[in-house]
């Protein structure tokens, strides 16, 4: 009878993907009403956004507000309830924020810590098409200055409401993709393309093929829709943005749609903190009577009275007592100095015999190799000994100052010859 063979089919191992994260932009028209931040946070968290750039929040002042719902708002606003830009940072990515700069009520910048490159995000709200040329020139000059302040090696992203329609002209193809919602570029679109070209950036929001209703970002009062909210990224990190589209279901009483940008750069692992051993107190100093007396007096001065300890809860008593002991030990005893990693090596060989032996062995070995290309058995053994350095025998030999010092076997072998 034949032996039945069983075949086990195993699935191929999938490559571990890096975590994609979502960046958004939304012109809210106004968030100056009661409960606006709660409604906004619910919308953002339901759609799993990490950072959302907000325009026209209509708040006052530039500040940072931390909320109990595990999100933080960085707002850059003026002195009136008009315009204003802000960032909403949600969840674990709050720990990766390493900088924030409020520039004006139209521009602010946020910096995120990455694994290989940090990320600088500039949130903008451009003047509309009917604004004067002076206002537009001033805005783009300010944007250019802020862009130049970003560190050189950062991933630079400019996102927000540009009030610009970008077309599908062939001459703009290196900067603009083939899937813009419009055929022709308007005046604000030309300014945006000029800025992107001068900074070697790409208007990434026009590079992805979606249905038109997922490309439009603004609905006019006459119910026509256009694409005027964009995201730009520097050409070196062009492939870090893998998708851009709108979420039409998000509603905060605004005529703009929430725009989603999906990125795939590697962020830093903030929880991977290297353990560092706490320093030790120099307890050997307590053998000195004067130091022990000073320590006792200092501890008695900082300890709480017995009446206060009786009235306080047990946990508070222990916390205060521990802090008092640590404070007294740090002030009077100090810490044990940490020795350098290779200090023990030089302590064992104070006259640099360790280094001199190795240099002498290396020079003698090179001389043998040059004179005799075909190494003898003893030379091969010598080379094997050299590969195992440091490997010291109990033999002693002449040191650098004429005294006896421990040397390696190879050094002693060459000296005997």
Protein backbone atom coordinates (compact mmCIF):
# COMPACT_ATOMS: atom_id res chain seq x y z
CA UNK A 1 0.00 0.00 0.00
CA UNK A 2 1.20 3.43 -0.86
CA UNK A 3 1.91 6.01 1.77
CA UNK A 4 -0.54 8.88 1.70
CA UNK A 5 1.22 12.21 1.46
CA UNK A 6 -0.23 15.31 3.01
CA UNK A 7 0.57 18.65 1.48
CA UNK A 8 0.43 21.74 3.65
CA UNK A 9 -0.22 24.96 1.78
CA UNK A 10 1.01 28.04 3.59
CA UNK A 11 0.05 31.55 2.71
CA UNK A 12 2.86 33.89 1.69
CA UNK A 13 3.86 36.36 4.33
CA UNK A 14 2.52 39.82 3.70
CA UNK A 15 4.86 42.74 3.82
CA UNK A 16 4.19 44.87 6.86
CA UNK A 17 2.76 48.19 5.78
CA UNK A 18 3.60 51.46 7.34
CA UNK A 19 0.68 53.22 8.95
CA UNK A 20 -1.11 55.68 6.67
CA UNK A 21 -2.38 58.81 8.35
CA UNK A 22 -4.92 61.40 7.30
CA UNK A 23 -4.43 65.11 6.89
CA UNK A 24 -7.43 67.30 6.15
CA UNK A 25 -8.38 70.85 5.23
CA UNK A 26 -11.73 72.51 5.79
CA UNK A 27 -12.98 76.07 5.44
CA UNK A 28 -15.57 76.13 8.21
CA UNK A 29 -16.92 79.65 7.45
CA UNK A 30 -17.36 80.18 11.19
CA UNK A 31 -16.82 78.25 14.42
CA UNK A 32 -17.84 81.13 16.65
CA UNK A 33 -20.84 79.41 18.22
CA UNK A 34 -21.47 77.28 21.29
CA UNK A 35 -20.58 73.60 20.84
CA UNK A 36 -18.59 74.12 17.61
CA UNK A 37 -15.47 72.32 18.84
CA UNK A 38 -17.49 69.33 20.06
CA UNK A 39 -19.28 68.98 16.70
CA UNK A 40 -16.00 69.42 14.83
CA UNK A 41 -14.15 66.85 16.94
CA UNK A 42 -16.93 64.28 16.46
CA UNK A 43 -16.77 64.71 12.67
CA UNK A 44 -12.98 64.49 12.59
CA UNK A 45 -12.74 61.45 14.89
CA UNK A 46 -15.50 59.54 13.11
CA UNK A 47 -13.52 59.82 9.87
CA UNK A 48 -10.23 58.97 11.62
CA UNK A 49 -8.33 62.15 10.81
CA UNK A 50 -5.04 62.88 12.56
CA UNK A 51 -4.60 66.56 11.65
CA UNK A 52 -7.10 68.99 10.09
CA UNK A 53 -6.17 72.46 8.83
CA UNK A 54 -9.04 74.88 9.45
CA UNK A 55 -9.78 78.22 7.79
CA UNK A 56 -12.20 81.00 8.72
CA UNK A 57 -12.64 79.81 12.29
CA UNK A 58 -13.59 83.39 13.33
CA UNK A 59 -11.98 83.16 16.78
CA UNK A 60 -9.87 85.76 18.57
CA UNK A 61 -6.19 85.58 19.48
CA UNK A 62 -3.38 83.09 18.90
CA UNK A 63 -3.20 80.33 21.48
CA UNK A 64 -3.12 76.57 22.08
CA UNK A 65 -6.19 74.88 23.55
CA UNK A 66 -6.06 71.35 24.93
CA UNK A 67 -9.38 69.50 25.26
CA UNK A 68 -10.31 66.50 27.35
CA UNK A 69 -11.56 64.70 24.25
CA UNK A 70 -7.95 63.86 23.32
CA UNK A 71 -7.43 66.65 20.80
CA UNK A 72 -5.60 69.98 20.68
CA UNK A 73 -6.34 73.15 18.69
CA UNK A 74 -3.56 75.51 17.60
CA UNK A 75 -5.25 78.75 16.48
CA UNK A 76 -3.78 81.78 14.73
CA UNK A 77 -6.40 84.55 14.65
CA UNK A 78 -6.61 88.33 14.75
CA UNK A 79 -8.29 90.75 17.13
CA UNK A 80 -11.73 90.47 15.50
CA UNK A 81 -14.09 87.59 14.79
CA UNK A 82 -13.02 87.44 11.16
CA UNK A 83 -10.91 84.98 9.19
CA UNK A 84 -8.44 82.99 11.32
CA UNK A 85 -6.61 79.71 10.69
CA UNK A 86 -6.08 76.76 13.02
CA UNK A 87 -4.87 73.18 13.30
CA UNK A 88 -6.79 70.44 15.08
CA UNK A 89 -4.46 67.61 16.16
CA UNK A 90 -6.11 64.38 17.31
CA UNK A 91 -4.92 61.33 19.24
CA UNK A 92 -1.38 60.02 19.49
CA UNK A 93 -0.01 62.45 16.94
CA UNK A 94 -0.26 65.19 19.58
CA UNK A 95 2.96 63.77 21.07
CA UNK A 96 4.77 64.30 17.76
CA UNK A 97 4.15 68.05 17.52
CA UNK A 98 7.54 69.74 17.87
CA UNK A 99 6.67 73.29 16.81
CA UNK A 100 3.89 75.71 15.96
CA UNK A 101 4.13 79.25 14.57
CA UNK A 102 1.11 81.60 14.25
CA UNK A 103 1.95 83.96 11.39
CA UNK A 104 -1.29 85.85 10.69
CA UNK A 105 -5.02 85.30 10.41
CA UNK A 106 -4.37 83.75 6.97
CA UNK A 107 -1.22 81.66 7.59
CA UNK A 108 0.09 79.38 10.35
CA UNK A 109 2.63 76.56 10.42
CA UNK A 110 2.85 73.25 12.29
CA UNK A 111 5.87 70.90 12.51
CA UNK A 112 5.53 67.15 13.11
CA UNK A 113 8.33 64.78 14.10
CA UNK A 114 8.91 62.05 11.52
CA UNK A 115 11.06 58.95 11.53
CA UNK A 116 13.38 59.96 8.69
CA UNK A 117 12.17 63.47 7.84
CA UNK A 118 10.17 65.90 9.93
CA UNK A 119 7.02 67.36 8.37
CA UNK A 120 6.30 71.09 8.06
CA UNK A 121 2.64 71.85 7.29
CA UNK A 122 1.61 75.39 6.29
CA UNK A 123 -2.09 76.20 6.61
CA UNK A 124 -3.21 79.02 4.27
CA UNK A 125 -6.33 80.97 3.36
CA UNK A 126 -5.75 82.96 0.18
CA UNK A 127 -7.63 86.15 -0.76
CA UNK A 128 -10.59 85.47 -3.05
CA UNK A 129 -10.70 86.25 -6.76
CA UNK A 130 -12.24 89.69 -6.29
CA UNK A 131 -9.53 90.94 -3.88
CA UNK A 132 -7.02 93.57 -4.96
CA UNK A 133 -3.67 92.64 -6.47
CA UNK A 134 -1.86 94.23 -3.53
CA UNK A 135 -3.57 91.89 -1.09
CA UNK A 136 -2.70 88.88 -3.24
CA UNK A 137 0.93 89.96 -3.66
CA UNK A 138 1.28 90.55 0.05
CA UNK A 139 -0.21 87.13 0.83
CA UNK A 140 2.09 85.19 -1.51
CA UNK A 141 5.13 87.18 -0.33
CA UNK A 142 4.30 86.25 3.25
CA UNK A 143 3.73 82.62 2.23
CA UNK A 144 7.10 82.51 0.48
CA UNK A 145 8.88 83.89 3.54
CA UNK A 146 7.22 81.31 5.78
CA UNK A 147 8.06 78.51 3.35
CA UNK A 148 11.72 79.55 3.34
CA UNK A 149 11.77 79.38 7.15
CA UNK A 150 11.01 75.65 7.05
CA UNK A 151 14.07 73.45 7.67
CA UNK A 152 15.77 72.35 4.49
CA UNK A 153 15.31 68.59 4.85
CA UNK A 154 11.68 68.65 6.06
CA UNK A 155 8.74 67.31 4.08
CA UNK A 156 7.01 70.57 3.16
CA UNK A 157 3.24 70.60 2.67
CA UNK A 158 1.13 73.69 1.90
CA UNK A 159 -2.58 73.07 2.37
CA UNK A 160 -5.75 75.12 2.62
CA UNK A 161 -8.23 77.31 0.76
CA UNK A 162 -6.36 78.93 -2.16
CA UNK A 163 -9.51 80.26 -3.92
CA UNK A 164 -7.82 79.11 -7.14
CA UNK A 165 -9.09 77.07 -10.06
CA UNK A 166 -6.39 74.98 -11.74
CA UNK A 167 -6.96 73.75 -15.28
CA UNK A 168 -5.64 70.91 -17.39
CA UNK A 169 -3.34 72.84 -19.72
CA UNK A 170 -0.46 70.83 -21.14
CA UNK A 171 2.17 73.47 -20.34
CA UNK A 172 1.35 73.15 -16.63
CA UNK A 173 1.48 69.34 -16.65
CA UNK A 174 4.69 68.94 -14.56
CA UNK A 175 3.08 70.87 -11.69
CA UNK A 176 -0.62 70.10 -12.22
CA UNK A 177 -2.03 66.63 -12.69
CA UNK A 178 -4.37 65.39 -15.41
CA UNK A 179 -7.44 65.13 -13.19
CA UNK A 180 -8.34 68.68 -12.27
CA UNK A 181 -12.06 69.45 -12.06
CA UNK A 182 -11.62 72.40 -14.46
CA UNK A 183 -10.36 72.85 -18.00
CA UNK A 184 -8.90 76.33 -17.69
CA UNK A 185 -6.85 78.10 -15.02
CA UNK A 186 -8.08 81.40 -13.59
CA UNK A 187 -5.95 84.30 -12.28
CA UNK A 188 -5.57 82.92 -8.76
CA UNK A 189 -4.67 79.55 -10.27
CA UNK A 190 -1.83 81.15 -12.23
CA UNK A 191 -0.46 82.68 -9.03
CA UNK A 192 -0.66 79.30 -7.33
CA UNK A 193 1.14 77.57 -10.21
CA UNK A 194 3.87 80.22 -10.22
CA UNK A 195 4.45 79.70 -6.50
CA UNK A 196 4.54 75.90 -6.87
CA UNK A 197 6.95 76.11 -9.82
CA UNK A 198 9.34 78.46 -8.01
CA UNK A 199 9.51 76.11 -5.00
CA UNK A 200 9.66 72.85 -7.00
CA UNK A 201 6.30 71.73 -5.63
CA UNK A 202 3.38 69.83 -7.13
CA UNK A 203 -0.35 70.53 -6.73
CA UNK A 204 -1.11 67.02 -5.58
CA UNK A 205 -4.89 67.47 -5.31
CA UNK A 206 -5.18 67.27 -9.12
CA UNK A 207 -3.24 64.01 -9.56
CA UNK A 208 -5.91 61.48 -8.51
CA UNK A 209 -8.77 60.27 -10.66
CA UNK A 210 -12.04 60.42 -8.75
CA UNK A 211 -15.60 61.22 -9.66
CA UNK A 212 -16.24 64.91 -10.10
CA UNK A 213 -18.36 65.15 -6.96
CA UNK A 214 -15.36 63.87 -4.98
CA UNK A 215 -13.10 66.52 -6.54
CA UNK A 216 -15.24 69.59 -5.96
CA UNK A 217 -14.47 71.41 -2.71
CA UNK A 218 -16.82 74.45 -2.74
CA UNK A 219 -20.51 74.97 -3.48
CA UNK A 220 -21.46 78.51 -4.55
CA UNK A 221 -24.72 80.24 -3.57
CA UNK A 222 -26.07 79.51 -7.07
CA UNK A 223 -25.38 75.77 -6.50
CA UNK A 224 -22.37 75.52 -8.86
CA UNK A 225 -19.37 73.58 -7.59
CA UNK A 226 -15.64 74.21 -8.05
CA UNK A 227 -12.30 72.90 -6.84
CA UNK A 228 -10.50 75.71 -4.99
CA UNK A 229 -9.01 73.89 -1.95
CA UNK A 230 -5.66 72.29 -2.73
CA UNK A 231 -2.64 70.58 -1.21
CA UNK A 232 0.95 71.10 -2.38
CA UNK A 233 4.03 69.01 -1.56
CA UNK A 234 7.69 69.44 -2.45
CA UNK A 235 8.91 67.39 -5.38
CA UNK A 236 11.42 65.36 -3.42
CA UNK A 237 8.61 63.75 -1.39
CA UNK A 238 6.05 63.70 -4.20
CA UNK A 239 5.05 60.06 -3.63
CA UNK A 240 4.29 60.49 0.08
CA UNK A 241 0.70 61.60 -0.71
CA UNK A 242 -1.22 58.59 -1.99
CA UNK A 243 -4.79 59.96 -2.23
CA UNK A 244 -6.80 63.20 -2.14
CA UNK A 245 -10.61 63.42 -2.16
CA UNK A 246 -13.53 65.20 -0.50
CA UNK A 247 -15.97 63.95 2.15
CA UNK A 248 -19.32 65.42 1.25
CA UNK A 249 -21.18 63.97 4.22
CA UNK A 250 -19.34 66.08 6.82
CA UNK A 251 -21.56 69.01 7.78
CA UNK A 252 -20.74 72.00 9.97
CA UNK A 253 -22.94 74.53 8.16
CA UNK A 254 -20.23 75.49 5.67
CA UNK A 255 -20.27 75.85 1.89
CA UNK A 256 -16.90 74.01 1.69
CA UNK A 257 -16.43 70.25 1.78
CA UNK A 258 -13.96 68.47 4.02
CA UNK A 259 -10.89 67.48 1.97
CA UNK A 260 -8.97 64.33 2.93
CA UNK A 261 -5.26 63.85 2.16
CA UNK A 262 -3.83 60.38 2.82
CA UNK A 263 -0.09 60.27 3.47
CA UNK A 264 2.37 57.46 3.83
CA UNK A 265 5.56 58.86 5.36
CA UNK A 266 6.97 57.07 8.38
CA UNK A 267 6.33 58.87 11.64
CA UNK A 268 8.50 58.60 14.70
CA UNK A 269 7.88 55.87 17.29
CA UNK A 270 7.27 58.12 20.28
CA UNK A 271 6.84 55.27 22.79
CA UNK A 272 10.23 53.74 21.97
CA UNK A 273 12.10 55.58 24.73
CA UNK A 274 15.49 54.20 25.65
CA UNK A 275 15.77 53.33 29.33
CA UNK A 276 18.35 55.30 31.26
CA UNK A 277 19.36 54.06 34.67
CA UNK A 278 18.79 56.67 37.37
CA UNK A 279 21.95 57.92 39.10
CA UNK A 280 22.92 56.46 42.48
CA UNK A 281 23.43 58.50 45.61
CA UNK A 282 26.92 58.52 47.08
CA UNK A 283 26.08 56.60 50.29
CA UNK A 284 29.75 56.10 51.12
CA UNK A 285 29.86 59.70 52.33
CA UNK A 286 27.60 58.76 55.26
CA UNK A 287 30.63 57.09 56.91
CA UNK A 288 31.91 60.58 57.57
CA UNK A 289 30.44 61.83 60.87
CA UNK A 290 30.12 65.44 59.72
CA UNK A 291 28.31 64.47 56.50
CA UNK A 292 25.95 62.16 58.39
CA UNK A 293 25.10 64.94 60.86
CA UNK A 294 24.48 67.44 58.05
CA UNK A 295 22.25 64.94 56.24
CA UNK A 296 20.20 64.30 59.40
CA UNK A 297 19.71 68.02 60.00
CA UNK A 298 18.70 68.68 56.40
CA UNK A 299 16.26 65.77 56.43
CA UNK A 300 14.70 66.95 59.67
CA UNK A 301 14.20 70.42 58.18
CA UNK A 302 12.39 69.25 55.05
CA UNK A 303 10.30 66.45 56.59
CA UNK A 304 6.70 67.23 57.47
CA UNK A 305 5.65 67.53 61.08
CA UNK A 306 4.02 64.54 62.77
CA UNK A 307 0.65 66.34 63.01
CA UNK A 308 0.61 67.02 59.25
CA UNK A 309 1.48 63.41 58.46
CA UNK A 310 -1.36 62.13 60.66
CA UNK A 311 -3.93 64.33 58.93
CA UNK A 312 -2.79 63.61 55.36
CA UNK A 313 -3.79 60.45 53.40
CA UNK A 314 -1.37 57.54 53.36
CA UNK A 315 -0.40 58.00 49.70
CA UNK A 316 0.35 61.70 50.19
CA UNK A 317 2.44 60.92 53.27
CA UNK A 318 4.60 58.49 51.31
CA UNK A 319 4.97 60.87 48.35
CA UNK A 320 6.07 63.78 50.55
CA UNK A 321 8.43 61.63 52.61
CA UNK A 322 10.05 60.19 49.50
CA UNK A 323 10.51 63.68 48.04
CA UNK A 324 12.08 64.90 51.29
CA UNK A 325 14.57 62.01 51.42
CA UNK A 326 15.53 62.49 47.77
CA UNK A 327 15.98 66.22 48.23
CA UNK A 328 18.21 65.77 51.29
CA UNK A 329 20.33 63.06 49.63
CA UNK A 330 20.82 65.13 46.48
CA UNK A 331 21.80 68.24 48.42
CA UNK A 332 24.16 66.65 50.96
CA UNK A 333 25.41 63.35 49.50
CA UNK A 334 25.39 63.97 45.78
CA UNK A 335 25.62 61.27 43.10
CA UNK A 336 28.20 58.60 42.34
CA UNK A 337 30.13 59.76 39.25
CA UNK A 338 29.66 57.48 36.28
CA UNK A 339 32.81 55.96 34.84
CA UNK A 340 33.47 56.14 31.15
CA UNK A 341 32.95 53.05 29.07
CA UNK A 342 36.65 52.36 28.37
CA UNK A 343 38.05 53.89 31.55
CA UNK A 344 38.72 50.48 33.12
CA UNK A 345 40.97 49.59 30.19
CA UNK A 346 43.32 52.50 30.75
CA UNK A 347 43.15 52.00 34.52
CA UNK A 348 44.54 48.45 34.08
CA UNK A 349 47.33 49.66 31.77
CA UNK A 350 48.28 53.12 33.01
CA UNK A 351 51.38 53.54 30.83
CA UNK A 352 49.50 53.01 27.55
CA UNK A 353 51.05 49.54 27.22
CA UNK A 354 47.77 48.29 25.80
CA UNK A 355 47.91 50.69 22.85
CA UNK A 356 51.67 50.42 22.31
CA UNK A 357 51.55 46.61 22.25
CA UNK A 358 48.85 46.60 19.61
CA UNK A 359 50.64 49.15 17.41
CA UNK A 360 53.92 47.24 17.67
CA UNK A 361 52.21 43.93 16.88
CA UNK A 362 50.49 45.41 13.85
CA UNK A 363 53.71 46.91 12.44
CA UNK A 364 55.66 43.64 12.91
CA UNK A 365 52.89 41.64 11.26
CA UNK A 366 52.80 43.96 8.22
CA UNK A 367 56.57 43.62 7.82
CA UNK A 368 56.32 39.81 7.79
CA UNK A 369 53.51 39.87 5.25
CA UNK A 370 55.44 42.17 2.86
CA UNK A 371 58.68 40.14 3.05
CA UNK A 372 57.07 36.69 2.82
CA UNK A 373 53.97 36.59 0.61
CA UNK A 374 53.73 32.85 1.15
CA UNK A 375 53.21 32.85 4.92
CA UNK A 376 54.71 30.08 6.99
CA UNK A 377 52.79 28.10 9.57
CA UNK A 378 54.14 30.23 12.39
CA UNK A 379 53.11 33.42 10.59
CA UNK A 380 49.62 32.02 10.10
CA UNK A 381 49.47 31.32 13.83
CA UNK A 382 50.66 34.84 14.52
CA UNK A 383 47.91 36.23 12.30
CA UNK A 384 45.34 34.12 14.13
CA UNK A 385 46.57 35.54 17.43
CA UNK A 386 46.24 39.04 16.06
CA UNK A 387 42.64 38.41 15.05
CA UNK A 388 41.79 37.47 18.63
CA UNK A 389 43.19 40.71 20.15
CA UNK A 390 42.62 41.64 22.95
CA UNK A 391 43.75 38.31 24.38
CA UNK A 392 46.40 38.79 27.04
CA UNK A 393 48.48 36.09 28.67
CA UNK A 394 49.89 36.23 32.16
CA UNK A 395 53.32 36.89 30.68
CA UNK A 396 54.94 40.24 31.40
CA UNK A 397 57.23 42.23 29.17
CA UNK A 398 58.87 45.63 28.91
CA UNK A 399 56.51 48.61 29.16
CA UNK A 400 56.91 52.01 27.58
CA UNK A 401 58.74 53.36 30.62
CA UNK A 402 61.08 50.36 31.12
CA UNK A 403 58.94 48.64 33.78
CA UNK A 404 57.34 45.23 33.56
CA UNK A 405 53.84 45.29 32.02
CA UNK A 406 51.46 42.65 30.62
CA UNK A 407 51.72 42.16 26.86
CA UNK A 408 49.96 39.98 24.30
CA UNK A 409 51.20 36.54 23.27
CA UNK A 410 52.00 37.75 19.77
CA UNK A 411 54.13 40.60 21.11
CA UNK A 412 56.06 38.19 23.36
CA UNK A 413 56.54 35.77 20.47
CA UNK A 414 58.09 38.38 18.19
CA UNK A 415 60.33 39.69 21.01
CA UNK A 416 61.72 36.19 21.64
CA UNK A 417 62.88 36.01 18.04
